[in-house]
N, C-alpha and C. Protein backbone atom coordinates (compact mmCIF):
# COMPACT_ATOMS: atom_id res chain seq x y z
N MET A 1 27.22 27.74 18.47
CA MET A 1 26.50 27.75 17.21
C MET A 1 25.24 26.89 17.36
N ASN A 2 24.11 27.45 16.98
CA ASN A 2 22.87 26.69 17.17
C ASN A 2 22.65 25.69 16.03
N GLU A 3 21.71 24.79 16.24
CA GLU A 3 21.50 23.70 15.30
C GLU A 3 20.93 24.18 13.96
N THR A 4 20.09 25.19 13.98
CA THR A 4 19.47 25.66 12.74
C THR A 4 20.47 26.34 11.83
N ALA A 5 21.55 26.86 12.35
CA ALA A 5 22.54 27.54 11.52
C ALA A 5 23.39 26.53 10.74
N THR A 6 23.55 25.34 11.26
CA THR A 6 24.40 24.36 10.60
C THR A 6 23.63 23.46 9.64
N ARG A 7 22.32 23.47 9.73
CA ARG A 7 21.51 22.59 8.88
C ARG A 7 20.82 23.39 7.80
N LYS A 8 20.92 22.91 6.56
CA LYS A 8 20.25 23.58 5.45
C LYS A 8 18.85 23.03 5.31
N VAL A 9 17.91 23.91 5.17
CA VAL A 9 16.52 23.51 4.99
C VAL A 9 16.17 23.66 3.53
N ARG A 10 15.76 22.56 2.92
CA ARG A 10 15.40 22.59 1.51
C ARG A 10 13.90 22.47 1.37
N ARG A 11 13.36 23.35 0.60
CA ARG A 11 11.91 23.31 0.33
C ARG A 11 11.70 23.22 -1.17
N HIS A 12 11.13 22.12 -1.58
CA HIS A 12 10.88 21.91 -3.00
C HIS A 12 9.40 22.16 -3.30
N PRO A 13 9.13 22.82 -4.40
CA PRO A 13 7.73 22.98 -4.78
C PRO A 13 7.14 21.65 -5.22
N ALA A 14 5.83 21.51 -5.10
CA ALA A 14 5.16 20.26 -5.45
C ALA A 14 5.35 19.92 -6.92
N SER A 15 5.45 20.93 -7.76
CA SER A 15 5.58 20.68 -9.20
C SER A 15 6.90 19.99 -9.54
N ARG A 16 7.89 20.13 -8.67
CA ARG A 16 9.17 19.50 -8.94
C ARG A 16 9.07 17.99 -8.91
N THR A 17 8.33 17.45 -7.96
CA THR A 17 8.17 16.01 -7.91
C THR A 17 7.35 15.52 -9.10
N ALA A 18 6.36 16.29 -9.53
CA ALA A 18 5.57 15.92 -10.70
C ALA A 18 6.45 15.94 -11.94
N ASP A 19 7.34 16.91 -12.04
CA ASP A 19 8.25 16.99 -13.18
C ASP A 19 9.21 15.80 -13.19
N ALA A 20 9.69 15.43 -12.02
CA ALA A 20 10.60 14.28 -11.94
C ALA A 20 9.89 13.01 -12.35
N LEU A 21 8.64 12.87 -11.95
CA LEU A 21 7.86 11.69 -12.32
C LEU A 21 7.60 11.67 -13.83
N ALA A 22 7.30 12.82 -14.39
CA ALA A 22 7.08 12.91 -15.83
C ALA A 22 8.34 12.54 -16.60
N ARG A 23 9.49 13.01 -16.11
CA ARG A 23 10.76 12.66 -16.77
C ARG A 23 11.04 11.16 -16.67
N LYS A 24 10.74 10.57 -15.53
CA LYS A 24 10.95 9.15 -15.34
C LYS A 24 10.07 8.34 -16.29
N ASN A 25 8.81 8.75 -16.41
CA ASN A 25 7.88 8.08 -17.32
C ASN A 25 8.33 8.22 -18.77
N ALA A 26 8.79 9.42 -19.12
CA ALA A 26 9.24 9.65 -20.49
C ALA A 26 10.47 8.81 -20.80
N ALA A 27 11.38 8.70 -19.85
CA ALA A 27 12.58 7.90 -20.04
C ALA A 27 12.21 6.42 -20.22
N ALA A 28 11.26 5.96 -19.43
CA ALA A 28 10.83 4.56 -19.54
C ALA A 28 10.17 4.30 -20.90
N ALA A 29 9.35 5.23 -21.36
CA ALA A 29 8.69 5.08 -22.67
C ALA A 29 9.71 5.08 -23.80
N LEU A 30 10.69 5.95 -23.71
CA LEU A 30 11.75 5.99 -24.72
C LEU A 30 12.54 4.68 -24.73
N GLN A 31 12.84 4.16 -23.56
CA GLN A 31 13.58 2.90 -23.49
C GLN A 31 12.79 1.76 -24.11
N ARG A 32 11.47 1.73 -23.85
CA ARG A 32 10.62 0.68 -24.44
C ARG A 32 10.61 0.79 -25.96
N ALA A 33 10.54 2.03 -26.48
CA ALA A 33 10.55 2.24 -27.92
C ALA A 33 11.86 1.78 -28.53
N LEU A 34 12.96 2.08 -27.88
CA LEU A 34 14.27 1.66 -28.37
C LEU A 34 14.40 0.14 -28.32
N ASP A 35 13.88 -0.48 -27.27
CA ASP A 35 13.93 -1.94 -27.16
C ASP A 35 13.14 -2.58 -28.30
N ARG A 36 11.96 -2.05 -28.60
CA ARG A 36 11.16 -2.60 -29.69
C ARG A 36 11.90 -2.46 -31.03
N ARG A 37 12.55 -1.32 -31.22
CA ARG A 37 13.25 -1.07 -32.48
C ARG A 37 14.43 -2.03 -32.63
N ASP A 38 15.10 -2.35 -31.54
CA ASP A 38 16.29 -3.19 -31.58
C ASP A 38 15.96 -4.67 -31.76
N ASN A 39 14.69 -5.06 -31.64
CA ASN A 39 14.35 -6.46 -31.76
C ASN A 39 14.41 -6.98 -33.20
N GLY A 40 14.40 -6.07 -34.17
CA GLY A 40 14.48 -6.48 -35.55
C GLY A 40 15.91 -6.76 -35.98
N GLY A 41 16.09 -7.03 -37.26
CA GLY A 41 17.41 -7.26 -37.77
C GLY A 41 17.58 -8.67 -38.35
N ALA A 42 18.79 -9.00 -38.70
CA ALA A 42 19.05 -10.28 -39.37
C ALA A 42 18.69 -11.48 -38.50
N THR A 43 18.92 -11.37 -37.20
CA THR A 43 18.64 -12.49 -36.31
C THR A 43 17.40 -12.26 -35.47
N GLY A 44 16.73 -11.13 -35.68
CA GLY A 44 15.54 -10.82 -34.90
C GLY A 44 14.30 -11.48 -35.45
N HIS A 45 13.18 -11.26 -34.80
CA HIS A 45 11.92 -11.86 -35.21
C HIS A 45 11.25 -10.97 -36.23
């Protein structure tokens, strides 16, 4: 059995990495918004 038959070759389009980066940035922005919202309250500033 040759080496190429046992190894899977994955090819990702360039847009996939851009989409992953956009998701990461969106998740970070959402987390910051939630953190700001949680700072209030009876014991908050």
